[in-house]
Amino acid sequence: MEVGREAEPASSPVIAVQNIVHRYNGRTALDDVSFEVRPAELFGLLGPNGSGKTTLFRILSTLMIPTAGRALIVGFDAAKEPAALRRQIGVVFQAQSVDEKLTAYENLWHQGHLYGLHGAALKKRIIEILGRVGLADRAKELVETFSGGMARRVELAKGLLHHPSVLLLDEPTTGLDPGARRH
């Protein structure tokens, strides 16, 4: 730090998990979990099967309400303000959610409508994001003709389409080749 210069104020956390507890029929899946994620920070949860990672992911993505504690993402409470929070987050689940009978472009078109995107702005964003995930040349092809890794890239594109403030990824590299994982 330079002499005479004040330290930069610490930025507010983008994600604040505060004393989360979750129980299933008397079994504790999460026991007093707390952490913060700052802007531009990458944060990963590691642990064995059954350690509560997916439970926490479901709470953060507004699909479950914790037994106790709270999760705040960009200032929204995941349990109390789920609709507002969903507009701020991109979510890529471990299980496939693309419609294989649609093209990559059509999958993103429908996803965009869910987030209130329309017309030329949506078309431009779809083209941009398909380029970002390396599928611009395959936009008009049915997802059922794609490899598992290519379908996974469509999933990632869906999560990024609406410019989310926070991207939540459950097993994000499943099915991706090493090059796509690095990208």
N, C-alpha and C. Protein backbone atom coordinates (compact mmCIF):
# COMPACT_ATOMS: atom_id res chain seq x y z
N MET A 1 0.84 -1.17 0.00
CA MET A 1 0.00 0.00 0.00
C MET A 1 0.89 1.24 0.00
N GLU A 2 0.54 2.23 -0.83
CA GLU A 2 1.32 3.46 -0.89
C GLU A 2 1.03 4.32 0.34
N VAL A 3 2.04 5.07 0.75
CA VAL A 3 1.88 5.97 1.88
C VAL A 3 0.86 7.05 1.51
N GLY A 4 -0.03 7.35 2.44
CA GLY A 4 -1.03 8.38 2.21
C GLY A 4 -2.24 7.91 1.42
N ARG A 5 -2.27 6.68 1.03
CA ARG A 5 -3.39 6.13 0.26
C ARG A 5 -4.20 5.20 1.13
N GLU A 6 -5.52 5.35 1.06
CA GLU A 6 -6.39 4.49 1.86
C GLU A 6 -6.61 3.16 1.15
N ALA A 7 -6.82 2.16 1.94
CA ALA A 7 -7.11 0.84 1.37
C ALA A 7 -8.47 0.88 0.68
N GLU A 8 -8.59 0.11 -0.39
CA GLU A 8 -9.86 0.00 -1.12
C GLU A 8 -10.86 -0.70 -0.21
N PRO A 9 -12.10 -0.22 -0.18
CA PRO A 9 -13.10 -0.91 0.64
C PRO A 9 -13.37 -2.31 0.08
N ALA A 10 -13.59 -3.23 0.96
CA ALA A 10 -13.88 -4.60 0.53
C ALA A 10 -15.23 -4.60 -0.19
N SER A 11 -15.30 -5.30 -1.31
CA SER A 11 -16.56 -5.37 -2.05
C SER A 11 -17.53 -6.31 -1.34
N SER A 12 -18.80 -6.04 -1.57
CA SER A 12 -19.84 -6.88 -0.98
C SER A 12 -19.81 -8.25 -1.64
N PRO A 13 -20.15 -9.27 -0.89
CA PRO A 13 -20.16 -10.60 -1.50
C PRO A 13 -21.28 -10.72 -2.54
N VAL A 14 -21.01 -11.47 -3.57
CA VAL A 14 -22.01 -11.77 -4.60
C VAL A 14 -22.90 -12.89 -4.08
N ILE A 15 -22.29 -13.83 -3.36
CA ILE A 15 -23.03 -14.92 -2.72
C ILE A 15 -22.64 -14.92 -1.24
N ALA A 16 -23.66 -14.97 -0.39
CA ALA A 16 -23.42 -15.07 1.06
C ALA A 16 -24.30 -16.20 1.58
N VAL A 17 -23.67 -17.29 1.94
CA VAL A 17 -24.37 -18.43 2.53
C VAL A 17 -24.17 -18.32 4.02
N GLN A 18 -25.28 -18.21 4.75
CA GLN A 18 -25.20 -17.92 6.18
C GLN A 18 -25.88 -19.01 7.00
N ASN A 19 -25.05 -19.83 7.63
CA ASN A 19 -25.51 -20.84 8.59
C ASN A 19 -26.61 -21.75 8.03
N ILE A 20 -26.41 -22.21 6.80
CA ILE A 20 -27.40 -23.07 6.15
C ILE A 20 -27.41 -24.45 6.80
N VAL A 21 -28.61 -24.88 7.12
CA VAL A 21 -28.87 -26.22 7.63
C VAL A 21 -29.96 -26.80 6.75
N HIS A 22 -29.81 -28.06 6.39
CA HIS A 22 -30.91 -28.74 5.68
C HIS A 22 -30.97 -30.19 6.13
N ARG A 23 -32.19 -30.59 6.44
CA ARG A 23 -32.42 -31.96 6.91
C ARG A 23 -33.46 -32.63 6.01
N TYR A 24 -33.23 -33.92 5.77
CA TYR A 24 -34.18 -34.78 5.05
C TYR A 24 -34.65 -35.84 6.03
N ASN A 25 -35.90 -35.81 6.40
CA ASN A 25 -36.46 -36.85 7.28
C ASN A 25 -35.55 -37.16 8.47
N GLY A 26 -35.09 -36.12 9.12
CA GLY A 26 -34.26 -36.31 10.31
C GLY A 26 -32.78 -36.49 10.03
N ARG A 27 -32.38 -36.69 8.76
CA ARG A 27 -30.96 -36.80 8.40
C ARG A 27 -30.44 -35.43 8.00
N THR A 28 -29.31 -35.05 8.53
CA THR A 28 -28.73 -33.74 8.23
C THR A 28 -27.85 -33.83 6.99
N ALA A 29 -28.22 -33.06 5.96
CA ALA A 29 -27.42 -33.00 4.73
C ALA A 29 -26.45 -31.83 4.78
N LEU A 30 -26.89 -30.72 5.36
CA LEU A 30 -26.04 -29.54 5.52
C LEU A 30 -26.14 -29.09 6.96
N ASP A 31 -24.99 -28.84 7.59
CA ASP A 31 -24.98 -28.50 9.01
C ASP A 31 -24.18 -27.22 9.23
N ASP A 32 -24.88 -26.08 9.30
CA ASP A 32 -24.27 -24.79 9.61
C ASP A 32 -23.19 -24.39 8.59
N VAL A 33 -23.55 -24.43 7.31
CA VAL A 33 -22.62 -24.08 6.23
C VAL A 33 -22.66 -22.57 5.99
N SER A 34 -21.48 -21.96 5.99
CA SER A 34 -21.37 -20.52 5.73
C SER A 34 -20.15 -20.27 4.86
N PHE A 35 -20.30 -19.37 3.89
CA PHE A 35 -19.17 -18.90 3.08
C PHE A 35 -19.63 -17.69 2.28
N GLU A 36 -18.67 -16.98 1.72
CA GLU A 36 -18.95 -15.83 0.85
C GLU A 36 -18.14 -15.96 -0.42
N VAL A 37 -18.72 -15.46 -1.51
CA VAL A 37 -18.04 -15.40 -2.79
C VAL A 37 -18.06 -13.94 -3.24
N ARG A 38 -16.91 -13.42 -3.55
CA ARG A 38 -16.76 -12.01 -3.94
C ARG A 38 -16.89 -11.87 -5.47
N PRO A 39 -17.10 -10.65 -5.96
CA PRO A 39 -17.20 -10.43 -7.41
C PRO A 39 -15.96 -10.94 -8.14
N ALA A 40 -16.19 -11.54 -9.29
CA ALA A 40 -15.14 -12.09 -10.18
C ALA A 40 -14.38 -13.25 -9.57
N GLU A 41 -14.86 -13.79 -8.48
CA GLU A 41 -14.21 -14.92 -7.83
C GLU A 41 -14.83 -16.23 -8.33
N LEU A 42 -13.99 -17.21 -8.55
CA LEU A 42 -14.46 -18.56 -8.86
C LEU A 42 -14.47 -19.34 -7.57
N PHE A 43 -15.54 -20.06 -7.32
CA PHE A 43 -15.68 -20.79 -6.07
C PHE A 43 -16.20 -22.18 -6.40
N GLY A 44 -15.55 -23.19 -5.87
CA GLY A 44 -15.97 -24.56 -6.13
C GLY A 44 -16.24 -25.31 -4.84
N LEU A 45 -17.24 -26.17 -4.90
CA LEU A 45 -17.54 -27.06 -3.78
C LEU A 45 -17.05 -28.45 -4.14
N LEU A 46 -16.20 -29.00 -3.31
CA LEU A 46 -15.67 -30.33 -3.53
C LEU A 46 -16.05 -31.22 -2.36
N GLY A 47 -16.34 -32.46 -2.65
CA GLY A 47 -16.66 -33.39 -1.59
C GLY A 47 -17.18 -34.69 -2.17
N PRO A 48 -17.21 -35.72 -1.36
CA PRO A 48 -17.67 -37.02 -1.84
C PRO A 48 -19.18 -37.02 -2.10
N ASN A 49 -19.64 -38.03 -2.80
CA ASN A 49 -21.08 -38.20 -3.01
C ASN A 49 -21.78 -38.23 -1.67
N GLY A 50 -22.93 -37.57 -1.60
CA GLY A 50 -23.71 -37.56 -0.37
C GLY A 50 -23.27 -36.53 0.65
N SER A 51 -22.34 -35.63 0.27
CA SER A 51 -21.84 -34.66 1.24
C SER A 51 -22.66 -33.37 1.28
N GLY A 52 -23.69 -33.25 0.43
CA GLY A 52 -24.57 -32.08 0.47
C GLY A 52 -24.36 -31.07 -0.63
N LYS A 53 -23.46 -31.34 -1.57
CA LYS A 53 -23.18 -30.38 -2.64
C LYS A 53 -24.43 -30.09 -3.47
N THR A 54 -25.11 -31.12 -3.89
CA THR A 54 -26.31 -30.93 -4.72
C THR A 54 -27.43 -30.27 -3.93
N THR A 55 -27.56 -30.60 -2.66
CA THR A 55 -28.56 -29.95 -1.81
C THR A 55 -28.30 -28.45 -1.75
N LEU A 56 -27.04 -28.07 -1.53
CA LEU A 56 -26.70 -26.65 -1.49
C LEU A 56 -26.94 -26.00 -2.84
N PHE A 57 -26.60 -26.69 -3.92
CA PHE A 57 -26.83 -26.16 -5.27
C PHE A 57 -28.32 -25.90 -5.48
N ARG A 58 -29.16 -26.81 -5.05
CA ARG A 58 -30.61 -26.65 -5.20
C ARG A 58 -31.12 -25.47 -4.37
N ILE A 59 -30.55 -25.26 -3.21
CA ILE A 59 -30.94 -24.10 -2.40
C ILE A 59 -30.53 -22.81 -3.10
N LEU A 60 -29.30 -22.75 -3.59
CA LEU A 60 -28.81 -21.56 -4.26
C LEU A 60 -29.58 -21.26 -5.55
N SER A 61 -30.04 -22.30 -6.23
CA SER A 61 -30.78 -22.11 -7.48
C SER A 61 -32.28 -21.98 -7.27
N THR A 62 -32.72 -21.83 -6.04
CA THR A 62 -34.10 -21.56 -5.62
C THR A 62 -35.03 -22.76 -5.76
N LEU A 63 -34.50 -23.95 -5.87
CA LEU A 63 -35.34 -25.14 -6.00
C LEU A 63 -35.70 -25.77 -4.66
N MET A 64 -34.98 -25.39 -3.62
CA MET A 64 -35.24 -25.91 -2.27
C MET A 64 -35.11 -24.77 -1.27
N ILE A 65 -35.83 -24.90 -0.19
CA ILE A 65 -35.73 -23.93 0.91
C ILE A 65 -34.97 -24.62 2.04
N PRO A 66 -33.96 -23.96 2.59
CA PRO A 66 -33.20 -24.60 3.66
C PRO A 66 -34.04 -24.75 4.93
N THR A 67 -33.68 -25.71 5.75
CA THR A 67 -34.33 -25.90 7.04
C THR A 67 -34.05 -24.70 7.94
N ALA A 68 -32.83 -24.16 7.86
CA ALA A 68 -32.44 -22.98 8.64
C ALA A 68 -31.35 -22.25 7.88
N GLY A 69 -31.11 -21.00 8.27
CA GLY A 69 -30.10 -20.18 7.62
C GLY A 69 -30.65 -19.53 6.37
N ARG A 70 -29.75 -18.84 5.66
CA ARG A 70 -30.20 -18.22 4.42
C ARG A 70 -29.08 -18.10 3.42
N ALA A 71 -29.48 -17.96 2.16
CA ALA A 71 -28.54 -17.79 1.06
C ALA A 71 -28.92 -16.52 0.32
N LEU A 72 -27.99 -15.59 0.23
CA LEU A 72 -28.19 -14.34 -0.49
C LEU A 72 -27.31 -14.35 -1.72
N ILE A 73 -27.91 -14.04 -2.87
CA ILE A 73 -27.14 -13.93 -4.11
C ILE A 73 -27.49 -12.57 -4.71
N VAL A 74 -26.46 -11.78 -4.97
CA VAL A 74 -26.59 -10.39 -5.41
C VAL A 74 -27.70 -9.66 -4.65
N GLY A 75 -27.75 -9.89 -3.36
CA GLY A 75 -28.68 -9.21 -2.48
C GLY A 75 -30.06 -9.81 -2.37
N PHE A 76 -30.36 -10.83 -3.14
CA PHE A 76 -31.68 -11.47 -3.09
C PHE A 76 -31.63 -12.73 -2.25
N ASP A 77 -32.62 -12.91 -1.42
CA ASP A 77 -32.73 -14.10 -0.58
C ASP A 77 -33.32 -15.22 -1.43
N ALA A 78 -32.59 -16.33 -1.55
CA ALA A 78 -33.00 -17.44 -2.41
C ALA A 78 -34.35 -18.02 -2.00
N ALA A 79 -34.67 -18.02 -0.72
CA ALA A 79 -35.93 -18.59 -0.25
C ALA A 79 -37.08 -17.59 -0.30
N LYS A 80 -36.79 -16.31 -0.04
CA LYS A 80 -37.85 -15.31 0.06
C LYS A 80 -38.11 -14.54 -1.23
N GLU A 81 -37.12 -14.50 -2.12
CA GLU A 81 -37.25 -13.73 -3.37
C GLU A 81 -36.82 -14.56 -4.58
N PRO A 82 -37.37 -15.77 -4.73
CA PRO A 82 -36.88 -16.65 -5.79
C PRO A 82 -37.09 -16.10 -7.21
N ALA A 83 -38.22 -15.48 -7.49
CA ALA A 83 -38.48 -14.98 -8.85
C ALA A 83 -37.47 -13.89 -9.23
N ALA A 84 -37.23 -12.96 -8.32
CA ALA A 84 -36.27 -11.89 -8.59
C ALA A 84 -34.86 -12.45 -8.74
N LEU A 85 -34.52 -13.42 -7.91
CA LEU A 85 -33.19 -14.02 -7.97
C LEU A 85 -32.99 -14.78 -9.28
N ARG A 86 -33.98 -15.49 -9.74
CA ARG A 86 -33.85 -16.28 -10.97
C ARG A 86 -33.47 -15.41 -12.17
N ARG A 87 -33.88 -14.16 -12.18
CA ARG A 87 -33.52 -13.26 -13.28
C ARG A 87 -32.03 -12.88 -13.22
N GLN A 88 -31.42 -13.06 -12.06
CA GLN A 88 -30.03 -12.66 -11.86
C GLN A 88 -29.02 -13.80 -12.01
N ILE A 89 -29.50 -15.03 -11.99
CA ILE A 89 -28.58 -16.16 -12.02
C ILE A 89 -28.75 -16.98 -13.30
N GLY A 90 -27.65 -17.53 -13.73
CA GLY A 90 -27.66 -18.54 -14.78
C GLY A 90 -27.40 -19.86 -14.09
N VAL A 91 -28.13 -20.89 -14.47
CA VAL A 91 -27.99 -22.18 -13.82
C VAL A 91 -27.78 -23.26 -14.87
N VAL A 92 -26.75 -24.06 -14.66
CA VAL A 92 -26.50 -25.21 -15.52
C VAL A 92 -26.49 -26.44 -14.61
N PHE A 93 -27.54 -27.23 -14.75
CA PHE A 93 -27.69 -28.41 -13.93
C PHE A 93 -26.85 -29.56 -14.47
N GLN A 94 -26.61 -30.54 -13.63
CA GLN A 94 -25.86 -31.71 -14.05
C GLN A 94 -26.67 -32.52 -15.08
N ALA A 95 -27.96 -32.65 -14.85
CA ALA A 95 -28.82 -33.39 -15.78
C ALA A 95 -29.13 -32.53 -17.00
N GLN A 96 -29.20 -33.16 -18.13
CA GLN A 96 -29.46 -32.44 -19.38
C GLN A 96 -30.86 -31.82 -19.40
N SER A 97 -30.94 -30.58 -19.88
CA SER A 97 -32.23 -29.91 -19.98
C SER A 97 -32.51 -29.40 -21.39
N VAL A 98 -31.60 -29.66 -22.33
CA VAL A 98 -31.86 -29.23 -23.70
C VAL A 98 -32.89 -30.17 -24.33
N ASP A 99 -33.64 -29.63 -25.27
CA ASP A 99 -34.60 -30.43 -26.03
C ASP A 99 -33.88 -30.94 -27.27
N GLU A 100 -33.66 -32.24 -27.31
CA GLU A 100 -32.89 -32.83 -28.41
C GLU A 100 -33.61 -32.78 -29.75
N LYS A 101 -34.91 -32.56 -29.74
CA LYS A 101 -35.68 -32.48 -30.99
C LYS A 101 -35.67 -31.08 -31.59
N LEU A 102 -35.02 -30.14 -30.90
CA LEU A 102 -34.86 -28.77 -31.40
C LEU A 102 -33.41 -28.55 -31.80
N THR A 103 -33.20 -27.51 -32.60
CA THR A 103 -31.83 -27.13 -32.94
C THR A 103 -31.21 -26.40 -31.75
N ALA A 104 -29.90 -26.20 -31.83
CA ALA A 104 -29.22 -25.42 -30.79
C ALA A 104 -29.83 -24.02 -30.72
N TYR A 105 -30.05 -23.42 -31.89
CA TYR A 105 -30.64 -22.08 -31.96
C TYR A 105 -32.03 -22.05 -31.33
N GLU A 106 -32.86 -23.04 -31.65
CA GLU A 106 -34.22 -23.09 -31.11
C GLU A 106 -34.23 -23.26 -29.59
N ASN A 107 -33.31 -24.08 -29.08
CA ASN A 107 -33.21 -24.24 -27.63
C ASN A 107 -32.93 -22.89 -26.97
N LEU A 108 -32.02 -22.14 -27.54
CA LEU A 108 -31.67 -20.83 -26.97
C LEU A 108 -32.78 -19.81 -27.19
N TRP A 109 -33.49 -19.91 -28.30
CA TRP A 109 -34.61 -19.01 -28.57
C TRP A 109 -35.67 -19.15 -27.48
N HIS A 110 -36.01 -20.40 -27.17
CA HIS A 110 -37.01 -20.64 -26.12
C HIS A 110 -36.50 -20.20 -24.74
N GLN A 111 -35.25 -20.46 -24.46
CA GLN A 111 -34.66 -20.03 -23.19
C GLN A 111 -34.70 -18.51 -23.08
N GLY A 112 -34.38 -17.83 -24.15
CA GLY A 112 -34.40 -16.37 -24.15
C GLY A 112 -35.78 -15.82 -23.84
N HIS A 113 -36.80 -16.45 -24.38
CA HIS A 113 -38.17 -15.99 -24.10
C HIS A 113 -38.51 -16.13 -22.62
N LEU A 114 -37.98 -17.15 -21.97
CA LEU A 114 -38.23 -17.31 -20.54
C LEU A 114 -37.67 -16.14 -19.74
N TYR A 115 -36.64 -15.50 -20.27
CA TYR A 115 -36.02 -14.36 -19.59
C TYR A 115 -36.44 -13.02 -20.17
N GLY A 116 -37.48 -13.03 -21.00
CA GLY A 116 -38.01 -11.78 -21.54
C GLY A 116 -37.22 -11.19 -22.69
N LEU A 117 -36.34 -11.98 -23.29
CA LEU A 117 -35.58 -11.50 -24.46
C LEU A 117 -36.40 -11.80 -25.72
N HIS A 118 -36.34 -10.88 -26.70
CA HIS A 118 -37.14 -11.04 -27.91
C HIS A 118 -36.43 -10.42 -29.11
N GLY A 119 -36.92 -10.76 -30.27
CA GLY A 119 -36.56 -10.10 -31.52
C GLY A 119 -35.08 -10.07 -31.85
N ALA A 120 -34.66 -8.94 -32.42
CA ALA A 120 -33.30 -8.79 -32.91
C ALA A 120 -32.26 -8.91 -31.80
N ALA A 121 -32.59 -8.39 -30.62
CA ALA A 121 -31.63 -8.48 -29.51
C ALA A 121 -31.39 -9.93 -29.12
N LEU A 122 -32.46 -10.73 -29.10
CA LEU A 122 -32.31 -12.15 -28.78
C LEU A 122 -31.53 -12.87 -29.87
N LYS A 123 -31.86 -12.62 -31.11
CA LYS A 123 -31.15 -13.25 -32.23
C LYS A 123 -29.66 -12.95 -32.16
N LYS A 124 -29.33 -11.68 -31.91
CA LYS A 124 -27.92 -11.28 -31.82
C LYS A 124 -27.23 -12.01 -30.66
N ARG A 125 -27.89 -12.09 -29.52
CA ARG A 125 -27.30 -12.74 -28.36
C ARG A 125 -27.10 -14.24 -28.60
N ILE A 126 -28.06 -14.88 -29.26
CA ILE A 126 -27.93 -16.31 -29.55
C ILE A 126 -26.71 -16.56 -30.43
N ILE A 127 -26.57 -15.77 -31.47
CA ILE A 127 -25.43 -15.92 -32.37
C ILE A 127 -24.13 -15.70 -31.62
N GLU A 128 -24.11 -14.67 -30.76
CA GLU A 128 -22.93 -14.36 -29.96
C GLU A 128 -22.56 -15.52 -29.03
N ILE A 129 -23.55 -16.04 -28.31
CA ILE A 129 -23.25 -17.07 -27.30
C ILE A 129 -22.93 -18.41 -27.95
N LEU A 130 -23.56 -18.72 -29.09
CA LEU A 130 -23.19 -19.96 -29.80
C LEU A 130 -21.75 -19.87 -30.30
N GLY A 131 -21.33 -18.69 -30.72
CA GLY A 131 -19.92 -18.50 -31.09
C GLY A 131 -19.01 -18.70 -29.90
N ARG A 132 -19.43 -18.20 -28.77
CA ARG A 132 -18.63 -18.30 -27.54
C ARG A 132 -18.40 -19.75 -27.12
N VAL A 133 -19.42 -20.60 -27.34
CA VAL A 133 -19.28 -22.02 -26.95
C VAL A 133 -18.84 -22.90 -28.13
N GLY A 134 -18.48 -22.28 -29.24
CA GLY A 134 -17.94 -23.02 -30.38
C GLY A 134 -18.97 -23.79 -31.19
N LEU A 135 -20.21 -23.30 -31.22
CA LEU A 135 -21.26 -24.01 -31.96
C LEU A 135 -21.95 -23.13 -33.00
N ALA A 136 -21.38 -22.00 -33.35
CA ALA A 136 -22.02 -21.10 -34.31
C ALA A 136 -22.31 -21.80 -35.63
N ASP A 137 -21.40 -22.65 -36.07
CA ASP A 137 -21.58 -23.35 -37.34
C ASP A 137 -22.59 -24.50 -37.26
N ARG A 138 -23.04 -24.83 -36.07
CA ARG A 138 -23.99 -25.93 -35.88
C ARG A 138 -25.35 -25.44 -35.36
N ALA A 139 -25.57 -24.14 -35.39
CA ALA A 139 -26.76 -23.52 -34.80
C ALA A 139 -28.07 -24.13 -35.30
N LYS A 140 -28.14 -24.49 -36.56
CA LYS A 140 -29.40 -24.96 -37.17
C LYS A 140 -29.52 -26.48 -37.19
N GLU A 141 -28.62 -27.16 -36.49
CA GLU A 141 -28.67 -28.62 -36.44
C GLU A 141 -29.38 -29.08 -35.18
N LEU A 142 -30.09 -30.20 -35.30
CA LEU A 142 -30.79 -30.77 -34.15
C LEU A 142 -29.79 -31.21 -33.09
N VAL A 143 -30.11 -30.93 -31.85
CA VAL A 143 -29.23 -31.30 -30.75
C VAL A 143 -29.06 -32.82 -30.67
N GLU A 144 -30.05 -33.58 -31.11
CA GLU A 144 -29.94 -35.04 -31.08
C GLU A 144 -28.79 -35.56 -31.95
N THR A 145 -28.30 -34.74 -32.88
CA THR A 145 -27.17 -35.14 -33.72
C THR A 145 -25.83 -34.77 -33.09
N PHE A 146 -25.84 -34.09 -31.96
CA PHE A 146 -24.63 -33.63 -31.31
C PHE A 146 -24.01 -34.72 -30.43
N SER A 147 -22.72 -34.60 -30.23
CA SER A 147 -22.05 -35.44 -29.23
C SER A 147 -22.49 -34.96 -27.85
N GLY A 148 -22.19 -35.76 -26.83
CA GLY A 148 -22.52 -35.37 -25.47
C GLY A 148 -21.87 -34.05 -25.06
N GLY A 149 -20.64 -33.85 -25.48
CA GLY A 149 -19.93 -32.62 -25.15
C GLY A 149 -20.53 -31.40 -25.84
N MET A 150 -20.99 -31.59 -27.08
CA MET A 150 -21.61 -30.48 -27.80
C MET A 150 -22.95 -30.12 -27.16
N ALA A 151 -23.72 -31.13 -26.76
CA ALA A 151 -24.99 -30.86 -26.06
C ALA A 151 -24.73 -30.13 -24.75
N ARG A 152 -23.64 -30.49 -24.08
CA ARG A 152 -23.29 -29.82 -22.83
C ARG A 152 -22.97 -28.36 -23.08
N ARG A 153 -22.34 -28.06 -24.22
CA ARG A 153 -22.04 -26.67 -24.54
C ARG A 153 -23.32 -25.87 -24.80
N VAL A 154 -24.35 -26.52 -25.34
CA VAL A 154 -25.65 -25.84 -25.49
C VAL A 154 -26.22 -25.54 -24.10
N GLU A 155 -26.06 -26.47 -23.17
CA GLU A 155 -26.49 -26.24 -21.77
C GLU A 155 -25.79 -25.00 -21.20
N LEU A 156 -24.49 -24.92 -21.40
CA LEU A 156 -23.73 -23.78 -20.90
C LEU A 156 -24.21 -22.48 -21.56
N ALA A 157 -24.50 -22.54 -22.85
CA ALA A 157 -25.00 -21.37 -23.57
C ALA A 157 -26.34 -20.91 -22.99
N LYS A 158 -27.20 -21.87 -22.64
CA LYS A 158 -28.49 -21.52 -22.03
C LYS A 158 -28.29 -20.78 -20.72
N GLY A 159 -27.32 -21.22 -19.93
CA GLY A 159 -27.06 -20.59 -18.64
C GLY A 159 -26.48 -19.19 -18.77
N LEU A 160 -25.79 -18.92 -19.86
CA LEU A 160 -25.14 -17.62 -20.06
C LEU A 160 -25.97 -16.64 -20.89
N LEU A 161 -27.01 -17.12 -21.53
CA LEU A 161 -27.75 -16.36 -22.53
C LEU A 161 -28.23 -15.00 -22.05
N HIS A 162 -28.78 -14.90 -20.88
CA HIS A 162 -29.41 -13.67 -20.40
C HIS A 162 -28.46 -12.76 -19.61
N HIS A 163 -27.16 -12.96 -19.76
CA HIS A 163 -26.15 -12.14 -19.07
C HIS A 163 -26.35 -12.18 -17.55
N PRO A 164 -26.32 -13.36 -16.95
CA PRO A 164 -26.57 -13.44 -15.50
C PRO A 164 -25.45 -12.78 -14.71
N SER A 165 -25.82 -12.28 -13.54
CA SER A 165 -24.83 -11.70 -12.62
C SER A 165 -23.97 -12.80 -12.00
N VAL A 166 -24.57 -13.97 -11.81
CA VAL A 166 -23.89 -15.11 -11.19
C VAL A 166 -24.24 -16.35 -11.99
N LEU A 167 -23.25 -17.18 -12.23
CA LEU A 167 -23.46 -18.44 -12.94
C LEU A 167 -23.22 -19.59 -11.97
N LEU A 168 -24.25 -20.42 -11.78
CA LEU A 168 -24.16 -21.59 -10.91
C LEU A 168 -24.05 -22.83 -11.79
N LEU A 169 -23.02 -23.62 -11.57
CA LEU A 169 -22.75 -24.78 -12.41
C LEU A 169 -22.67 -26.04 -11.56
N ASP A 170 -23.45 -27.05 -11.92
CA ASP A 170 -23.39 -28.34 -11.23
C ASP A 170 -22.69 -29.32 -12.16
N GLU A 171 -21.50 -29.75 -11.79
CA GLU A 171 -20.68 -30.64 -12.61
C GLU A 171 -20.52 -30.07 -14.01
N PRO A 172 -19.97 -28.86 -14.14
CA PRO A 172 -19.96 -28.15 -15.42
C PRO A 172 -19.15 -28.79 -16.53
N THR A 173 -18.16 -29.57 -16.19
CA THR A 173 -17.31 -30.12 -17.24
C THR A 173 -17.68 -31.55 -17.64
N THR A 174 -18.77 -32.07 -17.10
CA THR A 174 -19.21 -33.41 -17.46
C THR A 174 -19.43 -33.49 -18.96
N GLY A 175 -18.78 -34.44 -19.60
CA GLY A 175 -18.97 -34.66 -21.03
C GLY A 175 -18.15 -33.76 -21.94
N LEU A 176 -17.37 -32.85 -21.38
CA LEU A 176 -16.58 -31.96 -22.22
C LEU A 176 -15.18 -32.53 -22.43
N ASP A 177 -14.64 -32.33 -23.63
CA ASP A 177 -13.27 -32.76 -23.89
C ASP A 177 -12.32 -31.77 -23.22
N PRO A 178 -11.02 -32.14 -23.08
CA PRO A 178 -10.07 -31.27 -22.38
C PRO A 178 -9.99 -29.86 -22.94
N GLY A 179 -10.03 -29.70 -24.25
CA GLY A 179 -9.98 -28.37 -24.85
C GLY A 179 -11.17 -27.52 -24.47
N ALA A 180 -12.35 -28.11 -24.52
CA ALA A 180 -13.58 -27.37 -24.16
C ALA A 180 -13.58 -27.04 -22.67
N ARG A 181 -13.02 -27.92 -21.85
CA ARG A 181 -12.95 -27.64 -20.41
C ARG A 181 -12.09 -26.43 -20.14
N ARG A 182 -10.94 -26.34 -20.82
CA ARG A 182 -10.05 -25.19 -20.62
C ARG A 182 -10.71 -23.90 -21.10
N HIS A 183 -11.43 -23.97 -22.23
CA HIS A 183 -12.08 -22.78 -22.79
C HIS A 183 -13.19 -22.32 -21.87
